[in-house]
PDB file of N, CA and C in Angstrom:
ATOM      1  N   MET A   1      80.569  84.971  59.461  1.00  0.00           N
ATOM      2  CA  MET A   1      80.135  83.928  60.170  1.00  0.00           C
ATOM      3  C   MET A   1      79.094  83.797  58.632  1.00  0.00           C
ATOM      4  N   GLN A   2      79.344  82.442  58.007  1.00  0.00           N
ATOM      5  CA  GLN A   2      78.491  81.385  57.179  1.00  0.00           C
ATOM      6  C   GLN A   2      77.409  81.269  57.203  1.00  0.00           C
ATOM      7  N   LEU A   3      76.470  81.568  56.164  1.00  0.00           N
ATOM      8  CA  LEU A   3      74.907  81.094  56.298  1.00  0.00           C
ATOM      9  C   LEU A   3      75.393  79.836  55.178  1.00  0.00           C
ATOM     10  N   PHE A   4      74.931  79.031  55.598  1.00  0.00           N
ATOM     11  CA  PHE A   4      73.890  77.447  54.790  1.00  0.00           C
ATOM     12  C   PHE A   4      73.427  76.877  54.924  1.00  0.00           C
ATOM     13  N   VAL A   5      72.918  75.793  53.631  1.00  0.00           N
ATOM     14  CA  VAL A   5      72.627  74.691  53.639  1.00  0.00           C
ATOM     15  C   VAL A   5      72.119  74.485  53.579  1.00  0.00           C
ATOM     16  N   LEU A   6      72.171  72.365  53.273  1.00  0.00           N
ATOM     17  CA  LEU A   6      71.770  71.381  52.607  1.00  0.00           C
ATOM     18  C   LEU A   6      70.950  71.187  51.352  1.00  0.00           C
ATOM     19  N   CYS A   7      72.089  70.992  49.788  1.00  0.00           N
ATOM     20  CA  CYS A   7      70.639  71.178  48.817  1.00  0.00           C
ATOM     21  C   CYS A   7      70.232  69.867  49.621  1.00  0.00           C
ATOM     22  N   HIS A   8      68.390  70.019  49.027  1.00  0.00           N
ATOM     23  CA  HIS A   8      67.843  69.357  48.992  1.00  0.00           C
ATOM     24  C   HIS A   8      67.587  67.523  48.289  1.00  0.00           C
ATOM     25  N   GLN A   9      68.221  67.871  47.044  1.00  0.00           N
ATOM     26  CA  GLN A   9      68.662  66.937  46.164  1.00  0.00           C
ATOM     27  C   GLN A   9      69.421  66.413  46.384  1.00  0.00           C
ATOM     28  N   ASN A  10      70.925  66.937  46.296  1.00  0.00           N
ATOM     29  CA  ASN A  10      72.217  66.378  46.493  1.00  0.00           C
ATOM     30  C   ASN A  10      73.024  66.206  47.489  1.00  0.00           C
ATOM     31  N   ASN A  11      71.996  66.678  48.475  1.00  0.00           N
ATOM     32  CA  ASN A  11      72.495  67.044  49.768  1.00  0.00           C
ATOM     33  C   ASN A  11      74.506  67.370  50.102  1.00  0.00           C
ATOM     34  N   HIS A  12      74.846  68.257  49.040  1.00  0.00           N
ATOM     35  CA  HIS A  12      75.949  69.485  49.340  1.00  0.00           C
ATOM     36  C   HIS A  12      75.341  70.209  50.109  1.00  0.00           C
ATOM     37  N   ARG A  13      76.945  71.173  51.131  1.00  0.00           N
ATOM     38  CA  ARG A  13      76.163  72.701  51.203  1.00  0.00           C
ATOM     39  C   ARG A  13      76.886  73.100  50.556  1.00  0.00           C
ATOM     40  N   PHE A  14      75.788  74.117  50.282  1.00  0.00           N
ATOM     41  CA  PHE A  14      76.705  75.922  50.168  1.00  0.00           C
ATOM     42  C   PHE A  14      75.812  76.980  50.766  1.00  0.00           C
ATOM     43  N   VAL A  15      77.477  77.651  50.391  1.00  0.00           N
ATOM     44  CA  VAL A  15      76.853  79.202  51.422  1.00  0.00           C
ATOM     45  C   VAL A  15      75.482  79.359  50.406  1.00  0.00           C
ATOM     46  N   PHE A  16      75.159  80.900  51.195  1.00  0.00           N
ATOM     47  CA  PHE A  16      74.155  82.215  50.186  1.00  0.00           C
ATOM     48  C   PHE A  16      74.574  83.177  51.905  1.00  0.00           C
ATOM     49  N   ALA A  17      74.873  83.945  50.906  1.00  0.00           N
ATOM     50  CA  ALA A  17      74.634  85.364  51.321  1.00  0.00           C
ATOM     51  C   ALA A  17      73.070  86.490  52.173  1.00  0.00           C
ATOM     52  N   TYR A  18      72.719  86.505  53.565  1.00  0.00           N
ATOM     53  CA  TYR A  18      71.668  86.973  53.846  1.00  0.00           C
ATOM     54  C   TYR A  18      72.315  87.728  55.098  1.00  0.00           C
ATOM     55  N   PRO A  19      71.886  89.136  55.011  1.00  0.00           N
ATOM     56  CA  PRO A  19      72.015  90.135  56.945  1.00  0.00           C
ATOM     57  C   PRO A  19      71.552  89.567  57.891  1.00  0.00           C
ATOM     58  N   ALA A  20      71.647  87.631  58.737  1.00  0.00           N
ATOM     59  CA  ALA A  20      71.295  86.867  59.330  1.00  0.00           C
ATOM     60  C   ALA A  20      72.312  87.349  60.729  1.00  0.00           C
ATOM     61  N   ARG A  21      71.235  87.607  61.609  1.00  0.00           N
ATOM     62  CA  ARG A  21      71.930  87.485  63.320  1.00  0.00           C
ATOM     63  C   ARG A  21      71.977  86.068  64.209  1.00  0.00           C
ATOM     64  N   VAL A  22      70.235  85.929  63.919  1.00  0.00           N
ATOM     65  CA  VAL A  22      69.301  84.602  64.281  1.00  0.00           C
ATOM     66  C   VAL A  22      68.600  84.361  63.110  1.00  0.00           C
ATOM     67  N   ARG A  23      68.300  82.754  64.113  1.00  0.00           N
ATOM     68  CA  ARG A  23      67.201  82.207  62.691  1.00  0.00           C
ATOM     69  C   ARG A  23      65.956  83.583  62.623  1.00  0.00           C
ATOM     70  N   ALA A  24      65.141  83.892  63.441  1.00  0.00           N
ATOM     71  CA  ALA A  24      64.487  85.158  63.691  1.00  0.00           C
ATOM     72  C   ALA A  24      64.529  86.175  62.969  1.00  0.00           C
ATOM     73  N   ASP A  25      66.181  85.952  62.425  1.00  0.00           N
ATOM     74  CA  ASP A  25      66.135  87.946  61.561  1.00  0.00           C
ATOM     75  C   ASP A  25      65.628  87.287  60.027  1.00  0.00           C
ATOM     76  N   LEU A  26      65.185  85.149  59.651  1.00  0.00           N
ATOM     77  CA  LEU A  26      65.174  84.703  58.246  1.00  0.00           C
ATOM     78  C   LEU A  26      63.695  85.117  58.261  1.00  0.00           C
ATOM     79  N   PRO A  27      63.400  85.174  56.492  1.00  0.00           N
ATOM     80  CA  PRO A  27      62.508  85.532  56.400  1.00  0.00           C
ATOM     81  C   PRO A  27      61.537  84.412  56.508  1.00  0.00           C
ATOM     82  N   ASP A  28      60.167  83.995  56.262  1.00  0.00           N
ATOM     83  CA  ASP A  28      59.215  82.667  56.954  1.00  0.00           C
ATOM     84  C   ASP A  28      60.340  81.002  55.699  1.00  0.00           C
ATOM     85  N   HIS A  29      60.650  81.519  54.940  1.00  0.00           N
ATOM     86  CA  HIS A  29      61.123  80.651  53.497  1.00  0.00           C
ATOM     87  C   HIS A  29      62.182  81.817  52.730  1.00  0.00           C
ATOM     88  N   LEU A  30      62.938  81.268  52.250  1.00  0.00           N
ATOM     89  CA  LEU A  30      64.064  81.756  51.309  1.00  0.00           C
ATOM     90  C   LEU A  30      63.944  80.398  50.038  1.00  0.00           C
ATOM     91  N   GLU A  31      64.009  80.822  49.022  1.00  0.00           N
ATOM     92  CA  GLU A  31      63.718  80.400  47.702  1.00  0.00           C
ATOM     93  C   GLU A  31      65.580  80.611  47.096  1.00  0.00           C
ATOM     94  N   LEU A  32      66.064  79.554  47.333  1.00  0.00           N
ATOM     95  CA  LEU A  32      67.441  79.902  46.813  1.00  0.00           C
ATOM     96  C   LEU A  32      67.592  78.745  45.978  1.00  0.00           C
ATOM     97  N   VAL A  33      69.326  78.155  45.082  1.00  0.00           N
ATOM     98  CA  VAL A  33      69.825  77.908  43.845  1.00  0.00           C
ATOM     99  C   VAL A  33      70.425  77.925  44.307  1.00  0.00           C
ATOM    100  N   CYS A  34      70.635  75.642  44.195  1.00  0.00           N
ATOM    101  CA  CYS A  34      71.554  75.777  45.161  1.00  0.00           C
ATOM    102  C   CYS A  34      72.888  75.630  43.614  1.00  0.00           C
ATOM    103  N   PRO A  35      73.830  75.334  44.102  1.00  0.00           N
ATOM    104  CA  PRO A  35      75.150  76.412  42.671  1.00  0.00           C
ATOM    105  C   PRO A  35      75.935  74.577  42.190  1.00  0.00           C
ATOM    106  N   PHE A  36      75.261  73.212  42.797  1.00  0.00           N
ATOM    107  CA  PHE A  36      75.847  72.244  42.333  1.00  0.00           C
ATOM    108  C   PHE A  36      74.537  71.224  41.097  1.00  0.00           C
ATOM    109  N   ASP A  37      73.928  71.763  41.003  1.00  0.00           N
ATOM    110  CA  ASP A  37      72.956  71.236  40.345  1.00  0.00           C
ATOM    111  C   ASP A  37      71.304  72.073  39.896  1.00  0.00           C
ATOM    112  N   GLN A  38      71.614  74.094  39.654  1.00  0.00           N
ATOM    113  CA  GLN A  38      71.132  74.419  39.498  1.00  0.00           C
ATOM    114  C   GLN A  38      69.678  74.222  40.242  1.00  0.00           C
ATOM    115  N   ASP A  39      69.633  73.618  41.245  1.00  0.00           N
ATOM    116  CA  ASP A  39      67.757  72.982  41.177  1.00  0.00           C
ATOM    117  C   ASP A  39      67.676  73.844  42.645  1.00  0.00           C
ATOM    118  N   THR A  40      66.257  74.911  42.206  1.00  0.00           N
ATOM    119  CA  THR A  40      65.399  76.117  43.009  1.00  0.00           C
ATOM    120  C   THR A  40      64.935  75.391  43.490  1.00  0.00           C
ATOM    121  N   ASP A  41      64.180  75.626  45.290  1.00  0.00           N
ATOM    122  CA  ASP A  41      64.223  74.633  45.985  1.00  0.00           C
ATOM    123  C   ASP A  41      63.850  76.638  47.279  1.00  0.00           C
ATOM    124  N   TRP A  42      62.629  75.479  48.061  1.00  0.00           N
ATOM    125  CA  TRP A  42      62.258  76.231  49.457  1.00  0.00           C
ATOM    126  C   TRP A  42      62.780  75.771  50.331  1.00  0.00           C
ATOM    127  N   TYR A  43      63.780  77.051  51.378  1.00  0.00           N
ATOM    128  CA  TYR A  43      64.343  76.459  52.550  1.00  0.00           C
ATOM    129  C   TYR A  43      63.486  76.994  53.635  1.00  0.00           C
ATOM    130  N   TYR A  44      63.489  76.276  54.910  1.00  0.00           N
ATOM    131  CA  TYR A  44      63.240  77.266  56.553  1.00  0.00           C
ATOM    132  C   TYR A  44      64.445  77.129  56.970  1.00  0.00           C
ATOM    133  N   PRO A  45      64.046  78.356  57.444  1.00  0.00           N
ATOM    134  CA  PRO A  45      65.362  79.027  58.526  1.00  0.00           C
ATOM    135  C   PRO A  45      65.239  77.536  59.894  1.00  0.00           C
ATOM    136  N   ASN A  46      64.858  76.600  60.598  1.00  0.00           N
ATOM    137  CA  ASN A  46      65.009  75.157  60.861  1.00  0.00           C
ATOM    138  C   ASN A  46      65.981  74.549  60.074  1.00  0.00           C
ATOM    139  N   GLU A  47      66.440  75.322  58.876  1.00  0.00           N
ATOM    140  CA  GLU A  47      66.615  74.034  57.621  1.00  0.00           C
ATOM    141  C   GLU A  47      68.656  74.832  57.508  1.00  0.00           C
ATOM    142  N   VAL A  48      68.436  76.429  57.979  1.00  0.00           N
ATOM    143  CA  VAL A  48      70.179  77.511  57.832  1.00  0.00           C
ATOM    144  C   VAL A  48      70.666  77.314  59.103  1.00  0.00           C
ATOM    145  N   GLN A  49      72.478  77.189  58.596  1.00  0.00           N
ATOM    146  CA  GLN A  49      72.984  77.273  59.510  1.00  0.00           C
ATOM    147  C   GLN A  49      74.042  77.477  59.402  1.00  0.00           C
ATOM    148  N   ALA A  50      75.315  77.830  60.931  1.00  0.00           N
ATOM    149  CA  ALA A  50      76.182  78.324  60.285  1.00  0.00           C
ATOM    150  C   ALA A  50      77.052  78.196  60.924  1.00  0.00           C
ATOM    151  N   SER A  51      78.197  78.473  60.048  1.00  0.00           N
ATOM    152  CA  SER A  51      79.962  78.243  60.429  1.00  0.00           C
ATOM    153  C   SER A  51      80.753  80.006  60.153  1.00  0.00           C
ATOM    154  N   ALA A  52      82.057  79.683  60.719  1.00  0.00           N
ATOM    155  CA  ALA A  52      82.313  80.900  60.719  1.00  0.00           C
ATOM    156  C   ALA A  52      83.636  81.379  59.572  1.00  0.00           C
ATOM    157  N   GLY A  53      84.078  81.545  59.047  1.00  0.00           N
ATOM    158  CA  GLY A  53      84.496  82.221  57.831  1.00  0.00           C
ATOM    159  C   GLY A  53      86.074  81.973  58.594  1.00  0.00           C
ATOM    160  N   ASN A  54      86.723  82.490  57.535  1.00  0.00           N
ATOM    161  CA  ASN A  54      88.331  81.867  57.853  1.00  0.00           C
ATOM    162  C   ASN A  54      88.925  83.747  57.869  1.00  0.00           C
ATOM    163  N   ALA A  55      88.902  84.334  59.118  1.00  0.00           N
ATOM    164  CA  ALA A  55      89.183  85.554  59.226  1.00  0.00           C
ATOM    165  C   ALA A  55      90.764  85.412  59.671  1.00  0.00           C
ATOM    166  N   ALA A  56      91.159  84.552  60.157  1.00  0.00           N
ATOM    167  CA  ALA A  56      92.458  85.023  60.628  1.00  0.00           C
ATOM    168  C   ALA A  56      93.627  85.060  58.938  1.00  0.00           C
ATOM    169  N   VAL A  57      93.754  84.208  58.216  1.00  0.00           N
ATOM    170  CA  VAL A  57      94.352  84.175  57.217  1.00  0.00           C
ATOM    171  C   VAL A  57      94.450  85.810  56.937  1.00  0.00           C
ATOM    172  N   PRO A  58      93.744  85.810  56.478  1.00  0.00           N
ATOM    173  CA  PRO A  58      93.838  87.663  55.764  1.00  0.00           C
ATOM    174  C   PRO A  58      94.121  88.147  57.304  1.00  0.00           C
ATOM    175  N   GLY A  59      94.097  87.997  58.173  1.00  0.00           N
ATOM    176  CA  GLY A  59      94.667  89.453  58.952  1.00  0.00           C
ATOM    177  C   GLY A  59      96.179  89.059  58.811  1.00  0.00           C
ATOM    178  N   ALA A  60      96.722  87.793  59.002  1.00  0.00           N
ATOM    179  CA  ALA A  60      97.937  87.380  59.141  1.00  0.00           C
ATOM    180  C   ALA A  60      98.731  87.845  57.843  1.00  0.00           C
ATOM    181  N   VAL A  61      98.497  88.135  56.428  1.00  0.00           N
ATOM    182  CA  VAL A  61      98.590  88.450  55.058  1.00  0.00           C
ATOM    183  C   VAL A  61      98.930  89.261  55.016  1.00  0.00           C
ATOM    184  N   ILE A  62      97.315  90.108  55.658  1.00  0.00           N
ATOM    185  CA  ILE A  62      98.164  91.752  55.400  1.00  0.00           C
ATOM    186  C   ILE A  62      99.142  93.131  56.463  1.00  0.00           C
ATOM    187  N   GLY A  63      99.491  91.810  58.001  1.00  0.00           N
ATOM    188  CA  GLY A  63     100.352  92.009  58.243  1.00  0.00           C
ATOM    189  C   GLY A  63     101.402  91.912  58.309  1.00  0.00           C
ATOM    190  N   GLY A  64     101.493  90.961  57.314  1.00  0.00           N
ATOM    191  CA  GLY A  64     102.798  90.513  56.511  1.00  0.00           C
ATOM    192  C   GLY A  64     103.466  91.707  55.207  1.00  0.00           C
ATOM    193  N   LEU A  65     102.704  91.662  54.555  1.00  0.00           N
ATOM    194  CA  LEU A  65     103.044  92.619  53.328  1.00  0.00           C
ATOM    195  C   LEU A  65     102.890  94.347  54.326  1.00  0.00           C
ATOM    196  N   ILE A  66     102.082  94.646  55.201  1.00  0.00           N
ATOM    197  CA  ILE A  66     102.765  95.668  56.108  1.00  0.00           C
ATOM    198  C   ILE A  66     103.823  95.709  56.405  1.00  0.00           C
ATOM    199  N   GLY A  67     103.858  94.206  57.515  1.00  0.00           N
ATOM    200  CA  GLY A  67     105.991  94.146  57.600  1.00  0.00           C
ATOM    201  C   GLY A  67     107.100  94.288  57.027  1.00  0.00           C
ATOM    202  N   ILE A  68     106.678  94.128  55.344  1.00  0.00           N
ATOM    203  CA  ILE A  68     106.870  94.378  54.485  1.00  0.00           C
ATOM    204  C   ILE A  68     108.397  95.614  54.389  1.00  0.00           C
ATOM    205  N   VAL A  69     107.178  96.546  55.370  1.00  0.00           N
ATOM    206  CA  VAL A  69     108.737  98.078  55.030  1.00  0.00           C
ATOM    207  C   VAL A  69     109.567  97.929  55.799  1.00  0.00           C
ATOM    208  N   GLY A  70     109.245  96.727  57.268  1.00  0.00           N
ATOM    209  CA  GLY A  70     110.916  96.180  58.151  1.00  0.00           C
ATOM    210  C   GLY A  70     111.611  95.662  57.614  1.00  0.00           C
ATOM    211  N   GLY A  71     111.206  95.454  56.621  1.00  0.00           N
ATOM    212  CA  GLY A  71     112.074  94.206  55.702  1.00  0.00           C
ATOM    213  C   GLY A  71     111.820  92.544  57.356  1.00  0.00           C
ATOM    214  N   PRO A  72     112.571  91.454  56.905  1.00  0.00           N
ATOM    215  CA  PRO A  72     112.521  90.155  57.247  1.00  0.00           C
ATOM    216  C   PRO A  72     111.730  90.214  58.351  1.00  0.00           C
ATOM    217  N   LEU A  73     112.041  90.843  60.038  1.00  0.00           N
ATOM    218  CA  LEU A  73     111.868  91.461  60.759  1.00  0.00           C
ATOM    219  C   LEU A  73     110.403  91.558  60.712  1.00  0.00           C
ATOM    220  N   GLY A  74     109.747  92.622  60.238  1.00  0.00           N
ATOM    221  CA  GLY A  74     109.176  93.822  59.788  1.00  0.00           C
ATOM    222  C   GLY A  74     107.708  92.337  59.146  1.00  0.00           C
ATOM    223  N   MET A  75     108.194  91.845  58.534  1.00  0.00           N
ATOM    224  CA  MET A  75     107.221  90.694  57.972  1.00  0.00           C
ATOM    225  C   MET A  75     106.298  89.553  58.880  1.00  0.00           C
ATOM    226  N   ILE A  76     107.834  89.712  59.955  1.00  0.00           N
ATOM    227  CA  ILE A  76     107.229  87.982  60.773  1.00  0.00           C
ATOM    228  C   ILE A  76     106.622  89.288  61.654  1.00  0.00           C
ATOM    229  N   LEU A  77     107.150  89.716  62.277  1.00  0.00           N
ATOM    230  CA  LEU A  77     106.574  90.454  63.495  1.00  0.00           C
ATOM    231  C   LEU A  77     105.174  90.883  63.236  1.00  0.00           C
ATOM    232  N   GLY A  78     104.721  91.709  61.766  1.00  0.00           N
ATOM    233  CA  GLY A  78     103.105  91.818  61.318  1.00  0.00           C
ATOM    234  C   GLY A  78     102.491  91.028  60.875  1.00  0.00           C
ATOM    235  N   GLY A  79     103.176  89.446  60.926  1.00  0.00           N
ATOM    236  CA  GLY A  79     102.175  88.400  60.349  1.00  0.00           C
ATOM    237  C   GLY A  79     102.454  88.029  61.575  1.00  0.00           C
ATOM    238  N   MET A  80     102.659  87.854  62.590  1.00  0.00           N
ATOM    239  CA  MET A  80     102.560  87.478  64.162  1.00  0.00           C
ATOM    240  C   MET A  80     101.284  88.032  64.301  1.00  0.00           C
ATOM    241  N   ILE A  81     101.816  90.176  65.112  1.00  0.00           N
ATOM    242  CA  ILE A  81     100.795  90.627  65.202  1.00  0.00           C
ATOM    243  C   ILE A  81      99.597  90.175  64.451  1.00  0.00           C
ATOM    244  N   GLY A  82      99.132  90.644  62.883  1.00  0.00           N
ATOM    245  CA  GLY A  82      98.490  90.411  62.251  1.00  0.00           C
ATOM    246  C   GLY A  82      97.165  88.698  62.185  1.00  0.00           C
ATOM    247  N   GLY A  83      98.355  87.879  62.469  1.00  0.00           N
ATOM    248  CA  GLY A  83      97.509  86.968  62.400  1.00  0.00           C
ATOM    249  C   GLY A  83      96.582  86.106  63.806  1.00  0.00           C
ATOM    250  N   GLY A  84      97.740  87.125  65.143  1.00  0.00           N
ATOM    251  CA  GLY A  84      96.418  87.547  66.124  1.00  0.00           C
ATOM    252  C   GLY A  84      95.392  88.793  66.192  1.00  0.00           C
ATOM    253  N   LEU A  85      95.476  89.308  65.295  1.00  0.00           N
ATOM    254  CA  LEU A  85      94.077  89.823  65.460  1.00  0.00           C
ATOM    255  C   LEU A  85      92.806  88.898  64.972  1.00  0.00           C
ATOM    256  N   GLY A  86      93.553  88.895  63.748  1.00  0.00           N
ATOM    257  CA  GLY A  86      92.319  87.468  62.815  1.00  0.00           C
ATOM    258  C   GLY A  86      92.156  86.288  63.512  1.00  0.00           C
ATOM    259  N   ALA A  87      93.371  86.057  64.724  1.00  0.00           N
ATOM    260  CA  ALA A  87      92.510  84.410  65.409  1.00  0.00           C
ATOM    261  C   ALA A  87      91.679  85.647  66.289  1.00  0.00           C
ATOM    262  N   LYS A  88      91.712  86.462  66.618  1.00  0.00           N
ATOM    263  CA  LYS A  88      90.517  87.438  67.763  1.00  0.00           C
ATOM    264  C   LYS A  88      89.362  87.267  66.845  1.00  0.00           C
ATOM    265  N   ALA A  89      89.213  88.290  65.984  1.00  0.00           N
ATOM    266  CA  ALA A  89      87.908  88.129  64.756  1.00  0.00           C
ATOM    267  C   ALA A  89      87.451  86.601  64.548  1.00  0.00           C
ATOM    268  N   GLN A  90      88.623  85.191  63.640  1.00  0.00           N
ATOM    269  CA  GLN A  90      87.592  83.999  63.741  1.00  0.00           C
ATOM    270  C   GLN A  90      87.196  83.712  65.139  1.00  0.00           C
ATOM    271  N   GLN A  91      87.828  83.851  66.574  1.00  0.00           N
ATOM    272  CA  GLN A  91      87.040  83.453  67.968  1.00  0.00           C
ATOM    273  C   GLN A  91      85.677  84.640  68.061  1.00  0.00           C
ATOM    274  N   GLU A  92      85.201  85.658  67.504  1.00  0.00           N
ATOM    275  CA  GLU A  92      84.404  86.423  67.649  1.00  0.00           C
ATOM    276  C   GLU A  92      82.762  86.082  66.546  1.00  0.00           C
ATOM    277  N   ASP A  93      83.921  85.884  65.523  1.00  0.00           N
ATOM    278  CA  ASP A  93      82.895  84.568  64.156  1.00  0.00           C
ATOM    279  C   ASP A  93      82.206  83.555  64.519  1.00  0.00           C
ATOM    280  N   GLN A  94      82.701  82.460  65.120  1.00  0.00           N
ATOM    281  CA  GLN A  94      82.563  81.661  66.103  1.00  0.00           C
ATOM    282  C   GLN A  94      82.024  81.659  66.508  1.00  0.00           C
ATOM    283  N   GLU A  95      81.763  82.123  67.506  1.00  0.00           N
ATOM    284  CA  GLU A  95      80.758  82.966  68.543  1.00  0.00           C
ATOM    285  C   GLU A  95      79.665  83.424  68.158  1.00  0.00           C
ATOM    286  N   ARG A  96      79.162  84.484  67.176  1.00  0.00           N
ATOM    287  CA  ARG A  96      78.451  84.624  66.423  1.00  0.00           C
ATOM    288  C   ARG A  96      77.642  83.093  65.267  1.00  0.00           C
ATOM    289  N   ALA A  97      78.126  82.650  64.911  1.00  0.00           N
ATOM    290  CA  ALA A  97      77.853  81.588  64.451  1.00  0.00           C
ATOM    291  C   ALA A  97      77.028  79.821  65.115  1.00  0.00           C
ATOM    292  N   ASN A  98      78.027  80.359  66.345  1.00  0.00           N
ATOM    293  CA  ASN A  98      77.359  79.709  67.599  1.00  0.00           C
ATOM    294  C   ASN A  98      75.759  79.492  67.746  1.00  0.00           C
ATOM    295  N   ALA A  99      75.383  80.743  68.103  1.00  0.00           N
ATOM    296  CA  ALA A  99      75.022  81.651  68.697  1.00  0.00           C
ATOM    297  C   ALA A  99      73.833  81.851  67.611  1.00  0.00           C
ATOM    298  N   PHE A 100      74.005  81.365  66.738  1.00  0.00           N
ATOM    299  CA  PHE A 100      73.281  82.051  65.344  1.00  0.00           C
ATOM    300  C   PHE A 100      72.619  80.230  65.623  1.00  0.00           C
ATOM    301  N   ASN A 101      72.948  79.409  65.691  1.00  0.00           N
ATOM    302  CA  ASN A 101      72.998  77.893  65.560  1.00  0.00           C
ATOM    303  C   ASN A 101      72.157  77.396  67.084  1.00  0.00           C
ATOM    304  N   ALA A 102      71.759  78.169  67.830  1.00  0.00           N
ATOM    305  CA  ALA A 102      71.375  78.211  68.543  1.00  0.00           C
ATOM    306  C   ALA A 102      70.097  78.553  69.089  1.00  0.00           C
ATOM    307  N   SER A 103      69.872  79.683  68.551  1.00  0.00           N
ATOM    308  CA  SER A 103      68.693  79.996  68.072  1.00  0.00           C
ATOM    309  C   SER A 103      67.368  79.683  67.257  1.00  0.00           C
TER     310      SER A 103
END
């Protein structure tokens, strides 16, 4: 799950790292620097949104790399298994993002 805000100056979305599962886990305010214009501003928990990360792609790549040992068929099977595991991780990440946004 990625937490993000919209820059107050240019309305660009930017991601920041903070270990929060719900908005109540955030401090009363966050001082963040927009990477697009270097503007420092205060953001409040109600301005923070969450989105799912890209968990499926790394799973498929890792599965495919592991499958190299098994040759072309191993790469295909490894990629499919890794992609399936990554899709499950993606679904769980989306559920965490939905729970954060509903908080």
